[in-house]
PDB file of N, CA and C in Angstrom:
ATOM      1  N   MET A   1     366.423 126.284 147.066  1.00  0.00           N
ATOM      2  CA  MET A   1     366.905 124.945 147.294  1.00  0.00           C
ATOM      3  C   MET A   1     366.149 123.950 146.416  1.00  0.00           C
ATOM      4  N   ILE A   2     364.851 124.149 146.240  1.00  0.00           N
ATOM      5  CA  ILE A   2     364.086 123.231 145.406  1.00  0.00           C
ATOM      6  C   ILE A   2     364.484 123.324 143.937  1.00  0.00           C
ATOM      7  N   GLU A   3     365.054 124.454 143.542  1.00  0.00           N
ATOM      8  CA  GLU A   3     365.483 124.628 142.162  1.00  0.00           C
ATOM      9  C   GLU A   3     366.642 123.706 141.805  1.00  0.00           C
ATOM     10  N   SER A   4     367.412 123.277 142.800  1.00  0.00           N
ATOM     11  CA  SER A   4     368.566 122.418 142.545  1.00  0.00           C
ATOM     12  C   SER A   4     368.164 120.954 142.354  1.00  0.00           C
ATOM     13  N   LEU A   5     366.908 120.617 142.647  1.00  0.00           N
ATOM     14  CA  LEU A   5     366.441 119.241 142.485  1.00  0.00           C
ATOM     15  C   LEU A   5     366.122 118.960 141.023  1.00  0.00           C
ATOM     16  N   PRO A   6     366.242 117.713 140.610  1.00  0.00           N
ATOM     17  CA  PRO A   6     365.862 117.356 139.240  1.00  0.00           C
ATOM     18  C   PRO A   6     364.359 117.583 139.010  1.00  0.00           C
ATOM     19  N   GLN A   7     363.990 117.810 137.757  1.00  0.00           N
ATOM     20  CA  GLN A   7     362.605 118.124 137.416  1.00  0.00           C
ATOM     21  C   GLN A   7     361.648 117.001 137.818  1.00  0.00           C
ATOM     22  N   SER A   8     362.059 115.744 137.690  1.00  0.00           N
ATOM     23  CA  SER A   8     361.189 114.625 138.039  1.00  0.00           C
ATOM     24  C   SER A   8     360.844 114.638 139.533  1.00  0.00           C
ATOM     25  N   ILE A   9     361.820 114.966 140.369  1.00  0.00           N
ATOM     26  CA  ILE A   9     361.575 115.019 141.815  1.00  0.00           C
ATOM     27  C   ILE A   9     360.679 116.212 142.152  1.00  0.00           C
ATOM     28  N   ARG A  10     360.888 117.350 141.482  1.00  0.00           N
ATOM     29  CA  ARG A  10     360.018 118.511 141.701  1.00  0.00           C
ATOM     30  C   ARG A  10     358.574 118.190 141.327  1.00  0.00           C
ATOM     31  N   ASN A  11     358.388 117.456 140.219  1.00  0.00           N
ATOM     32  CA  ASN A  11     357.038 117.068 139.802  1.00  0.00           C
ATOM     33  C   ASN A  11     356.382 116.161 140.836  1.00  0.00           C
ATOM     34  N   GLU A  12     357.152 115.213 141.360  1.00  0.00           N
ATOM     35  CA  GLU A  12     356.621 114.303 142.381  1.00  0.00           C
ATOM     36  C   GLU A  12     356.259 115.066 143.660  1.00  0.00           C
ATOM     37  N   LEU A  13     357.093 116.016 144.070  1.00  0.00           N
ATOM     38  CA  LEU A  13     356.791 116.822 145.257  1.00  0.00           C
ATOM     39  C   LEU A  13     355.511 117.631 145.057  1.00  0.00           C
ATOM     40  N   HIS A  14     355.365 118.219 143.884  1.00  0.00           N
ATOM     41  CA  HIS A  14     354.156 118.999 143.588  1.00  0.00           C
ATOM     42  C   HIS A  14     352.916 118.112 143.606  1.00  0.00           C
ATOM     43  N   ALA A  15     353.023 116.906 143.036  1.00  0.00           N
ATOM     44  CA  ALA A  15     351.897 115.970 143.027  1.00  0.00           C
ATOM     45  C   ALA A  15     351.529 115.544 144.448  1.00  0.00           C
ATOM     46  N   ALA A  16     352.522 115.294 145.292  1.00  0.00           N
ATOM     47  CA  ALA A  16     352.267 114.897 146.680  1.00  0.00           C
ATOM     48  C   ALA A  16     351.618 116.033 147.470  1.00  0.00           C
ATOM     49  N   GLN A  17     352.066 117.276 147.232  1.00  0.00           N
ATOM     50  CA  GLN A  17     351.459 118.418 147.920  1.00  0.00           C
ATOM     51  C   GLN A  17     350.011 118.616 147.473  1.00  0.00           C
ATOM     52  N   SER A  18     349.737 118.453 146.198  1.00  0.00           N
ATOM     53  CA  SER A  18     348.376 118.587 145.693  1.00  0.00           C
ATOM     54  C   SER A  18     347.465 117.508 146.270  1.00  0.00           C
ATOM     55  N   LYS A  19     347.992 116.286 146.358  1.00  0.00           N
ATOM     56  CA  LYS A  19     347.208 115.179 146.906  1.00  0.00           C
ATOM     57  C   LYS A  19     346.897 115.414 148.385  1.00  0.00           C
ATOM     58  N   ALA A  20     347.873 115.910 149.147  1.00  0.00           N
ATOM     59  CA  ALA A  20     347.660 116.191 150.569  1.00  0.00           C
ATOM     60  C   ALA A  20     346.646 117.314 150.754  1.00  0.00           C
ATOM     61  N   ALA A  21     346.724 118.341 149.915  1.00  0.00           N
ATOM     62  CA  ALA A  21     345.772 119.451 150.013  1.00  0.00           C
ATOM     63  C   ALA A  21     344.369 118.987 149.665  1.00  0.00           C
ATOM     64  N   ALA A  22     344.241 118.097 148.696  1.00  0.00           N
ATOM     65  CA  ALA A  22     342.925 117.589 148.306  1.00  0.00           C
ATOM     66  C   ALA A  22     342.302 116.748 149.412  1.00  0.00           C
ATOM     67  N   LYS A  23     343.110 115.957 150.120  1.00  0.00           N
ATOM     68  CA  LYS A  23     342.584 115.151 151.215  1.00  0.00           C
ATOM     69  C   LYS A  23     342.133 116.020 152.375  1.00  0.00           C
ATOM     70  N   LYS A  24     342.837 117.128 152.593  1.00  0.00           N
ATOM     71  CA  LYS A  24     342.533 117.999 153.721  1.00  0.00           C
ATOM     72  C   LYS A  24     341.266 118.819 153.472  1.00  0.00           C
ATOM     73  N   SER A  25     340.974 119.135 152.228  1.00  0.00           N
ATOM     74  CA  SER A  25     339.839 119.982 151.897  1.00  0.00           C
ATOM     75  C   SER A  25     338.533 119.196 151.936  1.00  0.00           C
ATOM     76  N   ARG A  26     337.530 119.753 152.587  1.00  0.00           N
ATOM     77  CA  ARG A  26     336.209 119.145 152.626  1.00  0.00           C
ATOM     78  C   ARG A  26     335.273 119.811 151.624  1.00  0.00           C
ATOM     79  N   LEU A  27     335.713 120.922 151.037  1.00  0.00           N
ATOM     80  CA  LEU A  27     334.869 121.655 150.116  1.00  0.00           C
ATOM     81  C   LEU A  27     334.736 120.904 148.792  1.00  0.00           C
ATOM     82  N   ARG A  28     333.527 120.909 148.255  1.00  0.00           N
ATOM     83  CA  ARG A  28     333.280 120.281 146.966  1.00  0.00           C
ATOM     84  C   ARG A  28     332.141 121.001 146.274  1.00  0.00           C
ATOM     85  N   ILE A  29     332.042 120.807 144.979  1.00  0.00           N
ATOM     86  CA  ILE A  29     330.918 121.384 144.242  1.00  0.00           C
ATOM     87  C   ILE A  29     330.063 120.244 143.716  1.00  0.00           C
ATOM     88  N   MET A  30     328.792 120.519 143.560  1.00  0.00           N
ATOM     89  CA  MET A  30     327.857 119.571 142.965  1.00  0.00           C
ATOM     90  C   MET A  30     327.252 120.233 141.741  1.00  0.00           C
ATOM     91  N   VAL A  31     327.302 119.527 140.619  1.00  0.00           N
ATOM     92  CA  VAL A  31     326.698 120.016 139.391  1.00  0.00           C
ATOM     93  C   VAL A  31     326.194 118.810 138.602  1.00  0.00           C
ATOM     94  N   ASN A  32     324.931 118.849 138.223  1.00  0.00           N
ATOM     95  CA  ASN A  32     324.290 117.774 137.455  1.00  0.00           C
ATOM     96  C   ASN A  32     324.465 116.399 138.103  1.00  0.00           C
ATOM     97  N   GLY A  33     324.384 116.340 139.430  1.00  0.00           N
ATOM     98  CA  GLY A  33     324.513 115.077 140.141  1.00  0.00           C
ATOM     99  C   GLY A  33     325.939 114.586 140.323  1.00  0.00           C
ATOM    100  N   GLU A  34     326.915 115.301 139.814  1.00  0.00           N
ATOM    101  CA  GLU A  34     328.327 114.939 139.953  1.00  0.00           C
ATOM    102  C   GLU A  34     328.979 115.808 141.026  1.00  0.00           C
ATOM    103  N   SER A  35     329.952 115.235 141.729  1.00  0.00           N
ATOM    104  CA  SER A  35     330.656 115.949 142.782  1.00  0.00           C
ATOM    105  C   SER A  35     332.128 116.065 142.421  1.00  0.00           C
ATOM    106  N   TYR A  36     332.700 117.276 142.618  1.00  0.00           N
ATOM    107  CA  TYR A  36     334.105 117.532 142.344  1.00  0.00           C
ATOM    108  C   TYR A  36     334.717 118.231 143.557  1.00  0.00           C
ATOM    109  N   ARG A  37     335.907 117.775 143.977  1.00  0.00           N
ATOM    110  CA  ARG A  37     336.582 118.331 145.148  1.00  0.00           C
ATOM    111  C   ARG A  37     337.272 119.641 144.789  1.00  0.00           C
ATOM    112  N   ILE A  38     337.059 120.667 145.626  1.00  0.00           N
ATOM    113  CA  ILE A  38     337.696 121.969 145.446  1.00  0.00           C
ATOM    114  C   ILE A  38     339.079 121.907 146.090  1.00  0.00           C
ATOM    115  N   GLU A  39     340.112 122.205 145.313  1.00  0.00           N
ATOM    116  CA  GLU A  39     341.476 122.185 145.845  1.00  0.00           C
ATOM    117  C   GLU A  39     341.864 123.512 146.476  1.00  0.00           C
ATOM    118  N   ARG A  40     341.381 124.612 145.903  1.00  0.00           N
ATOM    119  CA  ARG A  40     341.772 125.928 146.398  1.00  0.00           C
ATOM    120  C   ARG A  40     340.590 126.868 146.239  1.00  0.00           C
ATOM    121  N   MET A  41     340.320 127.642 147.289  1.00  0.00           N
ATOM    122  CA  MET A  41     339.224 128.610 147.279  1.00  0.00           C
ATOM    123  C   MET A  41     339.828 130.001 147.381  1.00  0.00           C
ATOM    124  N   THR A  42     339.344 130.920 146.561  1.00  0.00           N
ATOM    125  CA  THR A  42     339.793 132.308 146.607  1.00  0.00           C
ATOM    126  C   THR A  42     338.581 133.205 146.825  1.00  0.00           C
ATOM    127  N   GLY A  43     338.819 134.488 146.950  1.00  0.00           N
ATOM    128  CA  GLY A  43     337.718 135.420 147.133  1.00  0.00           C
ATOM    129  C   GLY A  43     336.841 135.563 145.903  1.00  0.00           C
ATOM    130  N   SER A  44     337.418 135.318 144.735  1.00  0.00           N
ATOM    131  CA  SER A  44     336.662 135.511 143.498  1.00  0.00           C
ATOM    132  C   SER A  44     336.340 134.205 142.784  1.00  0.00           C
ATOM    133  N   GLY A  45     336.697 133.062 143.365  1.00  0.00           N
ATOM    134  CA  GLY A  45     336.407 131.794 142.716  1.00  0.00           C
ATOM    135  C   GLY A  45     337.046 130.620 143.422  1.00  0.00           C
ATOM    136  N   PHE A  46     337.277 129.544 142.665  1.00  0.00           N
ATOM    137  CA  PHE A  46     337.868 128.333 143.223  1.00  0.00           C
ATOM    138  C   PHE A  46     338.630 127.604 142.123  1.00  0.00           C
ATOM    139  N   ALA A  47     339.404 126.596 142.526  1.00  0.00           N
ATOM    140  CA  ALA A  47     340.192 125.814 141.569  1.00  0.00           C
ATOM    141  C   ALA A  47     339.949 124.331 141.799  1.00  0.00           C
ATOM    142  N   LEU A  48     339.860 123.589 140.705  1.00  0.00           N
ATOM    143  CA  LEU A  48     339.715 122.144 140.729  1.00  0.00           C
ATOM    144  C   LEU A  48     340.939 121.521 140.085  1.00  0.00           C
ATOM    145  N   ASN A  49     341.190 120.253 140.403  1.00  0.00           N
ATOM    146  CA  ASN A  49     342.270 119.517 139.770  1.00  0.00           C
ATOM    147  C   ASN A  49     341.973 119.395 138.284  1.00  0.00           C
ATOM    148  N   MET A  50     342.973 119.608 137.465  1.00  0.00           N
ATOM    149  CA  MET A  50     342.787 119.603 136.014  1.00  0.00           C
ATOM    150  C   MET A  50     342.302 118.250 135.507  1.00  0.00           C
ATOM    151  N   ASP A  51     342.706 117.150 136.156  1.00  0.00           N
ATOM    152  CA  ASP A  51     342.278 115.820 135.724  1.00  0.00           C
ATOM    153  C   ASP A  51     340.789 115.610 135.934  1.00  0.00           C
ATOM    154  N   ASP A  52     340.239 116.186 137.023  1.00  0.00           N
ATOM    155  CA  ASP A  52     338.829 116.006 137.355  1.00  0.00           C
ATOM    156  C   ASP A  52     337.942 117.105 136.788  1.00  0.00           C
ATOM    157  N   ALA A  53     338.533 118.231 136.430  1.00  0.00           N
ATOM    158  CA  ALA A  53     337.753 119.425 136.108  1.00  0.00           C
ATOM    159  C   ALA A  53     337.173 119.371 134.702  1.00  0.00           C
ATOM    160  N   PRO A  54     335.866 119.284 134.615  1.00  0.00           N
ATOM    161  CA  PRO A  54     335.251 119.417 133.300  1.00  0.00           C
ATOM    162  C   PRO A  54     335.139 120.895 132.953  1.00  0.00           C
ATOM    163  N   LYS A  55     334.731 121.190 131.752  1.00  0.00           N
ATOM    164  CA  LYS A  55     334.494 122.583 131.364  1.00  0.00           C
ATOM    165  C   LYS A  55     333.153 122.999 131.959  1.00  0.00           C
ATOM    166  N   LEU A  56     333.191 123.482 133.188  1.00  0.00           N
ATOM    167  CA  LEU A  56     331.971 123.881 133.880  1.00  0.00           C
ATOM    168  C   LEU A  56     331.599 125.312 133.538  1.00  0.00           C
ATOM    169  N   ARG A  57     330.326 125.560 133.504  1.00  0.00           N
ATOM    170  CA  ARG A  57     329.806 126.907 133.300  1.00  0.00           C
ATOM    171  C   ARG A  57     328.358 126.868 133.750  1.00  0.00           C
ATOM    172  N   GLY A  58     327.960 127.848 134.531  1.00  0.00           N
ATOM    173  CA  GLY A  58     326.575 127.900 134.960  1.00  0.00           C
ATOM    174  C   GLY A  58     326.433 127.797 136.461  1.00  0.00           C
ATOM    175  N   LEU A  59     325.325 127.198 136.878  1.00  0.00           N
ATOM    176  CA  LEU A  59     324.950 127.148 138.283  1.00  0.00           C
ATOM    177  C   LEU A  59     325.520 125.906 138.963  1.00  0.00           C
ATOM    178  N   VAL A  60     326.253 126.099 140.073  1.00  0.00           N
ATOM    179  CA  VAL A  60     326.798 125.001 140.867  1.00  0.00           C
ATOM    180  C   VAL A  60     326.509 125.267 142.347  1.00  0.00           C
ATOM    181  N   ASP A  61     326.509 124.197 143.129  1.00  0.00           N
ATOM    182  CA  ASP A  61     326.326 124.296 144.580  1.00  0.00           C
ATOM    183  C   ASP A  61     327.630 123.920 145.256  1.00  0.00           C
ATOM    184  N   ILE A  62     328.023 124.704 146.270  1.00  0.00           N
ATOM    185  CA  ILE A  62     329.240 124.422 147.035  1.00  0.00           C
ATOM    186  C   ILE A  62     328.839 123.843 148.387  1.00  0.00           C
ATOM    187  N   TYR A  63     329.485 122.728 148.760  1.00  0.00           N
ATOM    188  CA  TYR A  63     329.226 122.041 150.017  1.00  0.00           C
ATOM    189  C   TYR A  63     330.507 121.953 150.834  1.00  0.00           C
ATOM    190  N   ASP A  64     330.354 122.057 152.147  1.00  0.00           N
ATOM    191  CA  ASP A  64     331.438 121.806 153.086  1.00  0.00           C
ATOM    192  C   ASP A  64     331.043 120.539 153.830  1.00  0.00           C
ATOM    193  N   GLY A  65     331.575 119.409 153.392  1.00  0.00           N
ATOM    194  CA  GLY A  65     331.108 118.130 153.915  1.00  0.00           C
ATOM    195  C   GLY A  65     329.681 117.912 153.420  1.00  0.00           C
ATOM    196  N   GLY A  66     328.725 117.825 154.335  1.00  0.00           N
ATOM    197  CA  GLY A  66     327.327 117.671 153.965  1.00  0.00           C
ATOM    198  C   GLY A  66     326.514 118.947 154.068  1.00  0.00           C
ATOM    199  N   ARG A  67     327.152 120.045 154.478  1.00  0.00           N
ATOM    200  CA  ARG A  67     326.445 121.311 154.685  1.00  0.00           C
ATOM    201  C   ARG A  67     326.505 122.159 153.427  1.00  0.00           C
ATOM    202  N   HIS A  68     325.333 122.573 152.939  1.00  0.00           N
ATOM    203  CA  HIS A  68     325.246 123.419 151.755  1.00  0.00           C
ATOM    204  C   HIS A  68     325.701 124.827 152.125  1.00  0.00           C
ATOM    205  N   VAL A  69     326.779 125.312 151.496  1.00  0.00           N
ATOM    206  CA  VAL A  69     327.374 126.599 151.823  1.00  0.00           C
ATOM    207  C   VAL A  69     326.831 127.707 150.943  1.00  0.00           C
ATOM    208  N   SER A  70     326.859 127.488 149.636  1.00  0.00           N
ATOM    209  CA  SER A  70     326.405 128.547 148.729  1.00  0.00           C
ATOM    210  C   SER A  70     326.024 127.981 147.372  1.00  0.00           C
ATOM    211  N   GLN A  71     325.314 128.825 146.624  1.00  0.00           N
ATOM    212  CA  GLN A  71     324.961 128.518 145.248  1.00  0.00           C
ATOM    213  C   GLN A  71     325.627 129.578 144.382  1.00  0.00           C
ATOM    214  N   CYS A  72     326.322 129.160 143.332  1.00  0.00           N
ATOM    215  CA  CYS A  72     327.150 130.084 142.560  1.00  0.00           C
ATOM    216  C   CYS A  72     326.880 129.959 141.074  1.00  0.00           C
ATOM    217  N   LEU A  73     327.048 131.060 140.393  1.00  0.00           N
ATOM    218  CA  LEU A  73     327.061 131.100 138.942  1.00  0.00           C
ATOM    219  C   LEU A  73     328.519 131.294 138.550  1.00  0.00           C
ATOM    220  N   ILE A  74     329.076 130.362 137.772  1.00  0.00           N
ATOM    221  CA  ILE A  74     330.517 130.377 137.509  1.00  0.00           C
ATOM    222  C   ILE A  74     330.816 130.360 136.009  1.00  0.00           C
ATOM    223  N   ILE A  75     332.064 130.740 135.690  1.00  0.00           N
ATOM    224  CA  ILE A  75     332.625 130.580 134.353  1.00  0.00           C
ATOM    225  C   ILE A  75     334.051 130.058 134.507  1.00  0.00           C
ATOM    226  N   ALA A  76     334.508 129.291 133.522  1.00  0.00           N
ATOM    227  CA  ALA A  76     335.888 128.810 133.537  1.00  0.00           C
ATOM    228  C   ALA A  76     336.794 129.977 133.180  1.00  0.00           C
ATOM    229  N   ALA A  77     337.771 130.248 134.030  1.00  0.00           N
ATOM    230  CA  ALA A  77     338.617 131.420 133.830  1.00  0.00           C
ATOM    231  C   ALA A  77     339.923 131.069 133.136  1.00  0.00           C
ATOM    232  N   ALA A  78     340.715 130.211 133.738  1.00  0.00           N
ATOM    233  CA  ALA A  78     342.040 129.933 133.189  1.00  0.00           C
ATOM    234  C   ALA A  78     342.601 128.657 133.786  1.00  0.00           C
ATOM    235  N   GLN A  79     343.639 128.161 133.146  1.00  0.00           N
ATOM    236  CA  GLN A  79     344.366 127.018 133.669  1.00  0.00           C
ATOM    237  C   GLN A  79     345.584 127.542 134.409  1.00  0.00           C
ATOM    238  N   ASP A  80     345.785 127.042 135.639  1.00  0.00           N
ATOM    239  CA  ASP A  80     346.914 127.461 136.462  1.00  0.00           C
ATOM    240  C   ASP A  80     347.701 126.217 136.853  1.00  0.00           C
ATOM    241  N   GLY A  81     348.670 125.843 136.040  1.00  0.00           N
ATOM    242  CA  GLY A  81     349.454 124.638 136.306  1.00  0.00           C
ATOM    243  C   GLY A  81     348.589 123.406 136.176  1.00  0.00           C
ATOM    244  N   GLU A  82     348.441 122.659 137.257  1.00  0.00           N
ATOM    245  CA  GLU A  82     347.633 121.445 137.267  1.00  0.00           C
ATOM    246  C   GLU A  82     346.196 121.700 137.713  1.00  0.00           C
ATOM    247  N   GLN A  83     345.790 122.960 137.788  1.00  0.00           N
ATOM    248  CA  GLN A  83     344.450 123.305 138.261  1.00  0.00           C
ATOM    249  C   GLN A  83     343.705 124.123 137.222  1.00  0.00           C
ATOM    250  N   MET A  84     342.370 123.959 137.198  1.00  0.00           N
ATOM    251  CA  MET A  84     341.494 124.792 136.385  1.00  0.00           C
ATOM    252  C   MET A  84     340.805 125.753 137.341  1.00  0.00           C
ATOM    253  N   VAL A  85     340.930 127.046 137.080  1.00  0.00           N
ATOM    254  CA  VAL A  85     340.390 128.081 137.958  1.00  0.00           C
ATOM    255  C   VAL A  85     339.057 128.568 137.396  1.00  0.00           C
ATOM    256  N   TYR A  86     338.068 128.664 138.270  1.00  0.00           N
ATOM    257  CA  TYR A  86     336.731 129.148 137.913  1.00  0.00           C
ATOM    258  C   TYR A  86     336.453 130.433 138.686  1.00  0.00           C
ATOM    259  N   ASP A  87     335.819 131.392 138.040  1.00  0.00           N
ATOM    260  CA  ASP A  87     335.465 132.663 138.674  1.00  0.00           C
ATOM    261  C   ASP A  87     333.969 132.720 138.936  1.00  0.00           C
ATOM    262  N   PHE A  88     333.615 133.386 140.043  1.00  0.00           N
ATOM    263  CA  PHE A  88     332.209 133.597 140.374  1.00  0.00           C
ATOM    264  C   PHE A  88     331.656 134.769 139.583  1.00  0.00           C
ATOM    265  N   LYS A  89     330.483 134.582 139.012  1.00  0.00           N
ATOM    266  CA  LYS A  89     329.718 135.715 138.500  1.00  0.00           C
ATOM    267  C   LYS A  89     328.745 136.148 139.594  1.00  0.00           C
ATOM    268  N   ARG A  90     328.269 135.138 140.358  1.00  0.00           N
ATOM    269  CA  ARG A  90     327.386 135.382 141.489  1.00  0.00           C
ATOM    270  C   ARG A  90     327.663 134.302 142.514  1.00  0.00           C
ATOM    271  N   ASN A  91     327.719 134.690 143.790  1.00  0.00           N
ATOM    272  CA  ASN A  91     327.947 133.749 144.884  1.00  0.00           C
ATOM    273  C   ASN A  91     326.961 134.091 145.987  1.00  0.00           C
ATOM    274  N   THR A  92     325.930 133.269 146.145  1.00  0.00           N
ATOM    275  CA  THR A  92     324.865 133.520 147.108  1.00  0.00           C
ATOM    276  C   THR A  92     324.930 132.504 148.238  1.00  0.00           C
ATOM    277  N   ALA A  93     325.016 132.993 149.475  1.00  0.00           N
ATOM    278  CA  ALA A  93     325.059 132.107 150.638  1.00  0.00           C
ATOM    279  C   ALA A  93     323.738 131.348 150.758  1.00  0.00           C
ATOM    280  N   ALA A  94     323.837 130.077 151.092  1.00  0.00           N
ATOM    281  CA  ALA A  94     322.655 129.236 151.252  1.00  0.00           C
ATOM    282  C   ALA A  94     322.074 129.441 152.644  1.00  0.00           C
ATOM    283  N   GLY A  95     320.776 129.584 152.708  1.00  0.00           N
ATOM    284  CA  GLY A  95     320.094 129.723 153.993  1.00  0.00           C
ATOM    285  C   GLY A  95     319.620 128.375 154.492  1.00  0.00           C
ATOM    286  N   ASP A  96     319.439 128.256 155.803  1.00  0.00           N
ATOM    287  CA  ASP A  96     318.989 126.985 156.355  1.00  0.00           C
ATOM    288  C   ASP A  96     317.476 126.914 156.513  1.00  0.00           C
ATOM    289  N   GLY A  97     316.782 127.962 156.140  1.00  0.00           N
ATOM    290  CA  GLY A  97     315.326 127.972 156.207  1.00  0.00           C
ATOM    291  C   GLY A  97     314.745 128.835 155.105  1.00  0.00           C
ATOM    292  N   ALA A  98     313.442 128.770 154.976  1.00  0.00           N
ATOM    293  CA  ALA A  98     312.782 129.575 153.958  1.00  0.00           C
ATOM    294  C   ALA A  98     312.821 131.047 154.370  1.00  0.00           C
ATOM    295  N   PRO A  99     312.932 131.956 153.405  1.00  0.00           N
ATOM    296  CA  PRO A  99     312.917 133.374 153.755  1.00  0.00           C
ATOM    297  C   PRO A  99     311.540 133.786 154.281  1.00  0.00           C
ATOM    298  N   LEU A 100     311.549 134.709 155.239  1.00  0.00           N
ATOM    299  CA  LEU A 100     310.300 135.185 155.816  1.00  0.00           C
ATOM    300  C   LEU A 100     309.712 136.282 154.938  1.00  0.00           C
ATOM    301  N   ASP A 101     308.396 136.300 154.842  1.00  0.00           N
ATOM    302  CA  ASP A 101     307.751 137.365 154.078  1.00  0.00           C
ATOM    303  C   ASP A 101     307.093 138.388 155.019  1.00  0.00           C
ATOM    304  N   PHE A 102     307.548 138.402 156.271  1.00  0.00           N
ATOM    305  CA  PHE A 102     307.050 139.362 157.244  1.00  0.00           C
ATOM    306  C   PHE A 102     308.170 139.681 158.229  1.00  0.00           C
ATOM    307  N   GLU A 103     307.997 140.760 158.962  1.00  0.00           N
ATOM    308  CA  GLU A 103     308.999 141.145 159.946  1.00  0.00           C
ATOM    309  C   GLU A 103     308.770 140.371 161.236  1.00  0.00           C
ATOM    310  N   ARG A 104     309.810 139.769 161.748  1.00  0.00           N
ATOM    311  CA  ARG A 104     309.713 139.028 163.001  1.00  0.00           C
ATOM    312  C   ARG A 104     310.065 139.988 164.134  1.00  0.00           C
ATOM    313  N   LEU A 105     309.155 140.116 165.094  1.00  0.00           N
ATOM    314  CA  LEU A 105     309.385 141.011 166.224  1.00  0.00           C
ATOM    315  C   LEU A 105     310.485 140.445 167.122  1.00  0.00           C
ATOM    316  N   GLU A 106     311.271 141.342 167.677  1.00  0.00           N
ATOM    317  CA  GLU A 106     312.400 140.918 168.496  1.00  0.00           C
ATOM    318  C   GLU A 106     311.948 140.242 169.792  1.00  0.00           C
ATOM    319  N   ASN A 107     310.839 140.701 170.380  1.00  0.00           N
ATOM    320  CA  ASN A 107     310.366 140.140 171.649  1.00  0.00           C
ATOM    321  C   ASN A 107     309.170 139.199 171.451  1.00  0.00           C
ATOM    322  N   ALA A 108     308.963 138.684 170.282  1.00  0.00           N
ATOM    323  CA  ALA A 108     307.858 137.763 170.021  1.00  0.00           C
ATOM    324  C   ALA A 108     308.130 136.420 170.705  1.00  0.00           C
ATOM    325  N   PRO A 109     307.076 135.737 171.174  1.00  0.00           N
ATOM    326  CA  PRO A 109     307.282 134.428 171.804  1.00  0.00           C
ATOM    327  C   PRO A 109     307.748 133.396 170.767  1.00  0.00           C
ATOM    328  N   ILE A 110     308.564 132.472 171.223  1.00  0.00           N
ATOM    329  CA  ILE A 110     309.081 131.440 170.334  1.00  0.00           C
ATOM    330  C   ILE A 110     308.011 130.384 170.105  1.00  0.00           C
ATOM    331  N   ALA A 111     307.277 130.019 171.152  1.00  0.00           N
ATOM    332  CA  ALA A 111     306.225 129.004 171.049  1.00  0.00           C
ATOM    333  C   ALA A 111     305.160 129.303 172.087  1.00  0.00           C
ATOM    334  N   LEU A 112     304.004 128.743 171.876  1.00  0.00           N
ATOM    335  CA  LEU A 112     302.902 128.871 172.831  1.00  0.00           C
ATOM    336  C   LEU A 112     302.747 127.539 173.568  1.00  0.00           C
ATOM    337  N   LEU A 113     302.588 127.630 174.890  1.00  0.00           N
ATOM    338  CA  LEU A 113     302.412 126.441 175.700  1.00  0.00           C
ATOM    339  C   LEU A 113     300.922 126.179 175.908  1.00  0.00           C
ATOM    340  N   GLY A 114     300.521 124.929 175.706  1.00  0.00           N
ATOM    341  CA  GLY A 114     299.128 124.556 175.931  1.00  0.00           C
ATOM    342  C   GLY A 114     298.859 124.320 177.400  1.00  0.00           C
ATOM    343  N   ARG A 115     297.594 124.196 177.734  1.00  0.00           N
ATOM    344  CA  ARG A 115     297.252 123.972 179.134  1.00  0.00           C
ATOM    345  C   ARG A 115     297.408 122.567 179.542  1.00  0.00           C
TER     346      ARG A 115
END
């Protein structure tokens, strides 16, 4: 049914769908102090709007709102319509604390109470 519409109307519909998807997504990347909204996330990478997408390569941080989700090493893969697709070379989940350099016992006390 959409094929019967004129090309200008199809372009407008696609632009409106992209804009709605961008507003709904909270995911963004941070690189060199700049923030870019992620339009689509896949298992092997993510896509940014072609208008906003610089030629990124290297280390980026992915955030969900204000929460740091992961740190990734990326390369620009291909252009897919109005989106630039980036692939992960490495995707490491961000931890909320420093890694321990010792084994934590399962039944160890959480805190000591003073007198």
